[in-house]
Amino acid sequence: MFGLLTSSFLVSDSPLLLFLHLLLPQGSRQEVTFTKRKFGLMKKAYELSVLCDCEIALIIFNSTNKLFQYASTDMDKVLLKYTEYNEPHESRTNSDIVEVDEE
């Protein structure tokens, strides 16, 4: 089924979710969306680390600069490995992702 696409998230056809979406103020909706998306991103990072046997460090700062982190192993070890890495590597920003989506 189709969902209602809003500026903050996709609301499924569930009447309860649509009701909550309309009931909550914009700031609260963003917090709910952030919490759900953050958990989803961390779950995907976990799955990638397990399925592909790779190390992952995920660092998130929310709009109030609160820090959230996920690491498949010890965060300090992964960050040390990152700072000591001197080879050319893939690096992406938001604009890179938008360009790929537009192609």
Protein backbone atom coordinates (compact mmCIF):
# COMPACT_ATOMS: atom_id res chain seq x y z
CA MET A 1 0.00 0.00 0.00
CA PHE A 2 1.00 3.59 -0.41
CA GLY A 3 2.05 5.75 2.50
CA LEU A 4 1.87 9.47 3.10
CA LEU A 5 5.23 11.07 2.34
CA THR A 6 5.97 14.05 4.56
CA SER A 7 9.04 16.21 4.93
CA SER A 8 10.15 14.18 7.94
CA PHE A 9 9.18 10.57 7.30
CA LEU A 10 6.94 8.08 5.56
CA VAL A 11 3.71 7.35 7.39
CA SER A 12 2.29 3.93 6.61
CA ASP A 13 -1.38 3.30 6.02
CA SER A 14 -1.83 2.61 9.72
CA PRO A 15 -4.52 4.99 11.03
CA LEU A 16 -2.74 5.10 14.40
CA LEU A 17 0.56 6.25 12.85
CA LEU A 18 -1.23 8.83 10.73
CA PHE A 19 -3.09 10.08 13.82
CA LEU A 20 0.14 10.34 15.82
CA HIS A 21 1.83 12.11 12.92
CA LEU A 22 -0.90 14.73 12.80
CA LEU A 23 -1.14 15.00 16.59
CA LEU A 24 2.54 15.52 17.41
CA PRO A 25 4.16 18.92 16.93
CA GLN A 26 6.90 19.13 14.29
CA GLY A 27 9.76 19.01 16.83
CA SER A 28 8.36 15.88 18.45
CA ARG A 29 7.86 14.27 15.04
CA GLN A 30 11.49 14.94 14.21
CA GLU A 31 12.58 13.37 17.49
CA VAL A 32 10.47 10.27 16.84
CA THR A 33 11.78 10.05 13.28
CA PHE A 34 15.35 10.52 14.46
CA THR A 35 15.01 7.80 17.08
CA LYS A 36 13.52 5.31 14.62
CA ARG A 37 16.00 6.10 11.84
CA LYS A 38 18.94 6.00 14.25
CA PHE A 39 17.95 2.55 15.44
CA GLY A 40 17.44 1.40 11.84
CA LEU A 41 20.84 2.72 10.81
CA MET A 42 22.54 1.01 13.75
CA LYS A 43 20.74 -2.23 12.94
CA LYS A 44 21.91 -2.02 9.31
CA ALA A 45 25.47 -1.32 10.50
CA TYR A 46 25.29 -4.40 12.74
CA GLU A 47 23.97 -6.54 9.88
CA LEU A 48 26.70 -5.31 7.52
CA SER A 49 29.39 -6.05 10.10
CA VAL A 50 28.11 -9.59 10.65
CA LEU A 51 27.23 -10.51 7.06
CA CYS A 52 30.36 -9.02 5.50
CA ASP A 53 32.80 -9.54 8.37
CA CYS A 54 33.83 -5.88 8.52
CA GLU A 55 34.51 -3.32 11.22
CA ILE A 56 32.09 -0.42 11.50
CA ALA A 57 32.17 2.78 13.53
CA LEU A 58 29.09 4.98 13.35
CA ILE A 59 29.04 8.40 15.00
CA ILE A 60 25.88 10.52 15.11
CA PHE A 61 25.30 13.96 16.57
CA ASN A 62 21.65 14.98 16.74
CA SER A 63 20.34 18.53 16.29
CA THR A 64 21.14 19.34 19.94
CA ASN A 65 24.68 17.92 19.62
CA LYS A 66 23.95 14.82 21.67
CA LEU A 67 26.35 12.03 20.70
CA PHE A 68 25.26 8.53 19.72
CA GLN A 69 27.70 5.87 18.61
CA TYR A 70 27.78 2.30 17.40
CA ALA A 71 30.85 0.18 16.84
CA SER A 72 31.01 -3.42 15.72
CA THR A 73 34.10 -3.83 17.91
CA ASP A 74 35.89 -1.41 20.23
CA MET A 75 35.22 2.17 19.05
CA ASP A 76 38.65 3.43 20.12
CA LYS A 77 40.43 0.71 18.14
CA VAL A 78 38.39 1.42 15.02
CA LEU A 79 39.01 5.18 15.30
CA LEU A 80 42.73 4.62 15.85
CA LYS A 81 42.81 2.42 12.76
CA TYR A 82 41.02 5.22 10.86
CA THR A 83 43.45 7.94 11.96
CA GLU A 84 46.46 5.81 11.03
CA TYR A 85 45.11 4.83 7.60
CA ASN A 86 47.12 6.59 4.88
CA GLU A 87 45.97 4.86 1.69
CA PRO A 88 43.51 6.41 -0.78
CA HIS A 89 39.97 5.46 0.17
CA GLU A 90 36.33 6.08 -0.64
CA SER A 91 34.79 9.03 1.19
CA ARG A 92 31.22 10.29 0.75
CA THR A 93 29.22 13.35 1.79
CA ASN A 94 25.53 14.23 1.45
CA SER A 95 26.13 15.93 -1.91
CA ASP A 96 27.71 12.75 -3.31
CA ILE A 97 24.63 10.75 -2.36
CA VAL A 98 22.25 13.31 -3.87
CA GLU A 99 24.21 13.30 -7.15
CA VAL A 100 24.00 9.50 -7.39
CA ASP A 101 20.24 9.56 -6.70
CA GLU A 102 19.68 12.16 -9.44
CA GLU A 103 21.45 10.10 -12.12
